[in-house]
């Protein structure tokens, strides 16, 4: 019961603070449960979890992503996946036509049980970055590929 009372108090505090439009200090944000590394794009995701009441305060505690950062495109990518795709639903799209939409994307099915890895290639075909995508969902993988590879 005390948890519910605290949550109601927290929501009323958040609504009061958001009504004034004030930016919160990092200490206040931390006390409200927001990380000091919170990116504003994360605040957009609150609606997916029915937490829209937290969005105004989230916006007061977040940091804007670098808008001037140049979009880095890679020449290609290698998606290494387990031969048993059912174990990793985030890479199920490799059986569809979607991989053909990304220029330079190669799919390699490797040893059963290995975690999915995305290797981004530079212009010379060398591995520039290697990312584990075990915890990613399908939309995140596709969005990342859309941002980092040219579309056909």
C-alpha atoms as a PDB file:
ATOM      1  CA  UNK A   1       0.000   0.000   0.000  1.00  0.00           C
ATOM      2  CA  UNK A   2       2.810   2.429   0.821  1.00  0.00           C
ATOM      3  CA  UNK A   3       4.221   1.827  -2.674  1.00  0.00           C
ATOM      4  CA  UNK A   4       0.952   2.981  -4.245  1.00  0.00           C
ATOM      5  CA  UNK A   5       0.885   6.097  -2.059  1.00  0.00           C
ATOM      6  CA  UNK A   6       4.473   6.889  -3.030  1.00  0.00           C
ATOM      7  CA  UNK A   7       3.662   6.416  -6.715  1.00  0.00           C
ATOM      8  CA  UNK A   8       0.662   8.744  -6.470  1.00  0.00           C
ATOM      9  CA  UNK A   9       2.794  11.320  -4.654  1.00  0.00           C
ATOM     10  CA  UNK A  10       5.516  10.986  -7.280  1.00  0.00           C
ATOM     11  CA  UNK A  11       3.051  11.432 -10.149  1.00  0.00           C
ATOM     12  CA  UNK A  12       1.534  14.526  -8.554  1.00  0.00           C
ATOM     13  CA  UNK A  13       5.023  15.956  -8.015  1.00  0.00           C
ATOM     14  CA  UNK A  14       5.919  15.221 -11.620  1.00  0.00           C
ATOM     15  CA  UNK A  15       2.768  16.903 -12.888  1.00  0.00           C
ATOM     16  CA  UNK A  16       3.394  19.963 -10.715  1.00  0.00           C
ATOM     17  CA  UNK A  17       6.974  20.277 -11.901  1.00  0.00           C
ATOM     18  CA  UNK A  18       6.041  19.806 -15.538  1.00  0.00           C
ATOM     19  CA  UNK A  19       3.349  22.469 -15.234  1.00  0.00           C
ATOM     20  CA  UNK A  20       6.031  25.016 -14.402  1.00  0.00           C
ATOM     21  CA  UNK A  21       8.225  23.873 -17.282  1.00  0.00           C
ATOM     22  CA  UNK A  22      11.340  24.123 -15.154  1.00  0.00           C
ATOM     23  CA  UNK A  23      14.419  22.092 -15.895  1.00  0.00           C
ATOM     24  CA  UNK A  24      15.267  19.783 -13.072  1.00  0.00           C
ATOM     25  CA  UNK A  25      18.688  19.469 -11.488  1.00  0.00           C
ATOM     26  CA  UNK A  26      20.581  16.240 -11.990  1.00  0.00           C
ATOM     27  CA  UNK A  27      20.052  15.432  -8.295  1.00  0.00           C
ATOM     28  CA  UNK A  28      16.285  15.906  -8.603  1.00  0.00           C
ATOM     29  CA  UNK A  29      16.210  13.745 -11.717  1.00  0.00           C
ATOM     30  CA  UNK A  30      18.213  11.040  -9.972  1.00  0.00           C
ATOM     31  CA  UNK A  31      15.823  11.122  -7.006  1.00  0.00           C
ATOM     32  CA  UNK A  32      12.935  10.675  -9.430  1.00  0.00           C
ATOM     33  CA  UNK A  33      14.649   7.609 -10.876  1.00  0.00           C
ATOM     34  CA  UNK A  34      16.029   9.102 -14.097  1.00  0.00           C
ATOM     35  CA  UNK A  35      19.615   8.422 -15.131  1.00  0.00           C
ATOM     36  CA  UNK A  36      22.007  11.290 -15.738  1.00  0.00           C
ATOM     37  CA  UNK A  37      22.699   9.719 -19.150  1.00  0.00           C
ATOM     38  CA  UNK A  38      19.040   9.739 -20.212  1.00  0.00           C
ATOM     39  CA  UNK A  39      18.596  10.593 -23.893  1.00  0.00           C
ATOM     40  CA  UNK A  40      15.482  12.465 -24.968  1.00  0.00           C
ATOM     41  CA  UNK A  41      14.706   9.810 -27.576  1.00  0.00           C
ATOM     42  CA  UNK A  42      14.128   7.412 -24.668  1.00  0.00           C
ATOM     43  CA  UNK A  43      11.313   9.639 -23.407  1.00  0.00           C
ATOM     44  CA  UNK A  44       9.427   8.915 -26.634  1.00  0.00           C
ATOM     45  CA  UNK A  45       9.357   5.221 -25.716  1.00  0.00           C
ATOM     46  CA  UNK A  46       7.431   5.764 -22.474  1.00  0.00           C
ATOM     47  CA  UNK A  47       4.126   5.756 -24.361  1.00  0.00           C
ATOM     48  CA  UNK A  48       4.747   2.157 -25.450  1.00  0.00           C
ATOM     49  CA  UNK A  49       4.578   1.161 -21.786  1.00  0.00           C
ATOM     50  CA  UNK A  50       1.570   3.322 -20.853  1.00  0.00           C
ATOM     51  CA  UNK A  51       3.815   5.750 -18.970  1.00  0.00           C
ATOM     52  CA  UNK A  52       2.901   8.927 -20.841  1.00  0.00           C
ATOM     53  CA  UNK A  53       2.423  10.786 -17.550  1.00  0.00           C
ATOM     54  CA  UNK A  54       6.175  10.565 -17.035  1.00  0.00           C
ATOM     55  CA  UNK A  55       7.059  12.128 -20.411  1.00  0.00           C
ATOM     56  CA  UNK A  56       7.011  15.814 -19.356  1.00  0.00           C
ATOM     57  CA  UNK A  57       9.419  15.218 -16.480  1.00  0.00           C
ATOM     58  CA  UNK A  58      11.486  12.851 -18.577  1.00  0.00           C
ATOM     59  CA  UNK A  59      11.934  15.703 -21.061  1.00  0.00           C
ATOM     60  CA  UNK A  60      13.160  17.948 -18.240  1.00  0.00           C
ATOM     61  CA  UNK A  61      15.789  15.403 -17.222  1.00  0.00           C
ATOM     62  CA  UNK A  62      17.010  14.221 -20.621  1.00  0.00           C
ATOM     63  CA  UNK A  63      19.920  15.217 -22.809  1.00  0.00           C
ATOM     64  CA  UNK A  64      19.456  16.009 -26.474  1.00  0.00           C
ATOM     65  CA  UNK A  65      21.291  13.755 -28.884  1.00  0.00           C
ATOM     66  CA  UNK A  66      23.959  15.425 -30.959  1.00  0.00           C
ATOM     67  CA  UNK A  67      21.981  16.858 -33.871  1.00  0.00           C
ATOM     68  CA  UNK A  68      25.037  17.887 -35.862  1.00  0.00           C
ATOM     69  CA  UNK A  69      26.604  14.438 -35.793  1.00  0.00           C
ATOM     70  CA  UNK A  70      27.222  13.340 -39.335  1.00  0.00           C
ATOM     71  CA  UNK A  71      25.438  10.208 -40.372  1.00  0.00           C
ATOM     72  CA  UNK A  72      28.080   7.555 -40.864  1.00  0.00           C
ATOM     73  CA  UNK A  73      27.295   5.008 -43.517  1.00  0.00           C
ATOM     74  CA  UNK A  74      29.176   1.755 -43.772  1.00  0.00           C
ATOM     75  CA  UNK A  75      30.057   0.041 -47.026  1.00  0.00           C
ATOM     76  CA  UNK A  76      28.514  -3.199 -45.837  1.00  0.00           C
ATOM     77  CA  UNK A  77      27.659  -5.437 -42.936  1.00  0.00           C
ATOM     78  CA  UNK A  78      27.806  -9.097 -42.039  1.00  0.00           C
ATOM     79  CA  UNK A  79      25.036 -10.494 -39.882  1.00  0.00           C
ATOM     80  CA  UNK A  80      26.234 -13.717 -38.280  1.00  0.00           C
ATOM     81  CA  UNK A  81      23.372 -15.770 -36.899  1.00  0.00           C
ATOM     82  CA  UNK A  82      22.844 -19.191 -35.431  1.00  0.00           C
ATOM     83  CA  UNK A  83      21.652 -21.797 -37.911  1.00  0.00           C
ATOM     84  CA  UNK A  84      18.722 -22.340 -35.565  1.00  0.00           C
ATOM     85  CA  UNK A  85      16.927 -19.032 -36.146  1.00  0.00           C
ATOM     86  CA  UNK A  86      13.982 -19.842 -33.896  1.00  0.00           C
ATOM     87  CA  UNK A  87      16.188 -19.156 -30.905  1.00  0.00           C
ATOM     88  CA  UNK A  88      16.661 -15.503 -31.924  1.00  0.00           C
ATOM     89  CA  UNK A  89      13.412 -13.910 -33.111  1.00  0.00           C
ATOM     90  CA  UNK A  90      15.130 -10.557 -33.706  1.00  0.00           C
ATOM     91  CA  UNK A  91      16.879 -11.984 -36.777  1.00  0.00           C
ATOM     92  CA  UNK A  92      13.926 -13.907 -38.213  1.00  0.00           C
ATOM     93  CA  UNK A  93      13.698 -11.299 -40.970  1.00  0.00           C
ATOM     94  CA  UNK A  94      16.743 -12.908 -42.652  1.00  0.00           C
ATOM     95  CA  UNK A  95      14.359 -15.494 -44.113  1.00  0.00           C
ATOM     96  CA  UNK A  96      12.293 -12.755 -45.765  1.00  0.00           C
ATOM     97  CA  UNK A  97      13.031 -10.331 -48.587  1.00  0.00           C
ATOM     98  CA  UNK A  98      14.075  -7.566 -46.163  1.00  0.00           C
ATOM     99  CA  UNK A  99      17.839  -8.283 -46.191  1.00  0.00           C
ATOM    100  CA  UNK A 100      17.864  -7.561 -49.925  1.00  0.00           C
ATOM    101  CA  UNK A 101      16.764  -3.982 -49.155  1.00  0.00           C
ATOM    102  CA  UNK A 102      20.136  -3.177 -47.563  1.00  0.00           C
ATOM    103  CA  UNK A 103      23.127  -2.625 -49.813  1.00  0.00           C
ATOM    104  CA  UNK A 104      26.120  -4.716 -48.783  1.00  0.00           C
ATOM    105  CA  UNK A 105      24.341  -6.819 -46.140  1.00  0.00           C
ATOM    106  CA  UNK A 106      25.567 -10.406 -46.015  1.00  0.00           C
ATOM    107  CA  UNK A 107      23.925 -13.104 -43.914  1.00  0.00           C
ATOM    108  CA  UNK A 108      26.133 -15.869 -42.560  1.00  0.00           C
ATOM    109  CA  UNK A 109      24.589 -18.733 -40.642  1.00  0.00           C
ATOM    110  CA  UNK A 110      27.138 -20.135 -38.246  1.00  0.00           C
ATOM    111  CA  UNK A 111      27.488 -22.674 -35.481  1.00  0.00           C
ATOM    112  CA  UNK A 112      24.295 -23.650 -33.746  1.00  0.00           C
ATOM    113  CA  UNK A 113      23.862 -21.796 -30.484  1.00  0.00           C
ATOM    114  CA  UNK A 114      26.095 -18.807 -31.247  1.00  0.00           C
ATOM    115  CA  UNK A 115      24.690 -15.369 -30.453  1.00  0.00           C
ATOM    116  CA  UNK A 116      23.786 -13.041 -33.350  1.00  0.00           C
ATOM    117  CA  UNK A 117      26.533 -10.544 -34.186  1.00  0.00           C
ATOM    118  CA  UNK A 118      26.481  -7.618 -36.587  1.00  0.00           C
ATOM    119  CA  UNK A 119      29.822  -6.678 -38.151  1.00  0.00           C
ATOM    120  CA  UNK A 120      29.958  -3.304 -39.897  1.00  0.00           C
ATOM    121  CA  UNK A 121      32.481  -3.012 -42.723  1.00  0.00           C
ATOM    122  CA  UNK A 122      34.484  -0.002 -43.880  1.00  0.00           C
ATOM    123  CA  UNK A 123      35.173   0.898 -47.527  1.00  0.00           C
ATOM    124  CA  UNK A 124      38.047  -1.609 -47.695  1.00  0.00           C
ATOM    125  CA  UNK A 125      35.906  -4.494 -46.442  1.00  0.00           C
ATOM    126  CA  UNK A 126      37.574  -4.518 -43.025  1.00  0.00           C
ATOM    127  CA  UNK A 127      35.506  -4.838 -39.857  1.00  0.00           C
ATOM    128  CA  UNK A 128      35.013  -1.333 -38.443  1.00  0.00           C
ATOM    129  CA  UNK A 129      32.579  -2.240 -35.655  1.00  0.00           C
ATOM    130  CA  UNK A 130      31.283  -5.463 -34.163  1.00  0.00           C
ATOM    131  CA  UNK A 131      28.024  -5.449 -32.204  1.00  0.00           C
ATOM    132  CA  UNK A 132      26.197  -8.132 -30.280  1.00  0.00           C
ATOM    133  CA  UNK A 133      22.503  -7.859 -31.115  1.00  0.00           C
ATOM    134  CA  UNK A 134      21.327 -10.563 -28.726  1.00  0.00           C
ATOM    135  CA  UNK A 135      19.132  -8.174 -26.714  1.00  0.00           C
ATOM    136  CA  UNK A 136      17.818  -6.183 -29.700  1.00  0.00           C
ATOM    137  CA  UNK A 137      14.335  -6.593 -31.140  1.00  0.00           C
ATOM    138  CA  UNK A 138      13.569  -6.939 -34.856  1.00  0.00           C
ATOM    139  CA  UNK A 139      12.578  -3.288 -35.254  1.00  0.00           C
ATOM    140  CA  UNK A 140      15.829  -2.130 -33.644  1.00  0.00           C
ATOM    141  CA  UNK A 141      17.917  -4.303 -35.964  1.00  0.00           C
ATOM    142  CA  UNK A 142      16.090  -3.057 -39.060  1.00  0.00           C
ATOM    143  CA  UNK A 143      16.219   0.591 -37.925  1.00  0.00           C
ATOM    144  CA  UNK A 144      19.935   0.330 -37.173  1.00  0.00           C
ATOM    145  CA  UNK A 145      20.625  -1.200 -40.582  1.00  0.00           C
ATOM    146  CA  UNK A 146      18.549   1.559 -42.215  1.00  0.00           C
ATOM    147  CA  UNK A 147      20.680   4.193 -40.486  1.00  0.00           C
ATOM    148  CA  UNK A 148      24.056   2.571 -41.125  1.00  0.00           C
ATOM    149  CA  UNK A 149      23.677   1.037 -44.601  1.00  0.00           C
ATOM    150  CA  UNK A 150      22.437   2.401 -47.899  1.00  0.00           C
ATOM    151  CA  UNK A 151      19.068   1.091 -49.012  1.00  0.00           C
ATOM    152  CA  UNK A 152      18.675  -0.419 -52.452  1.00  0.00           C
END
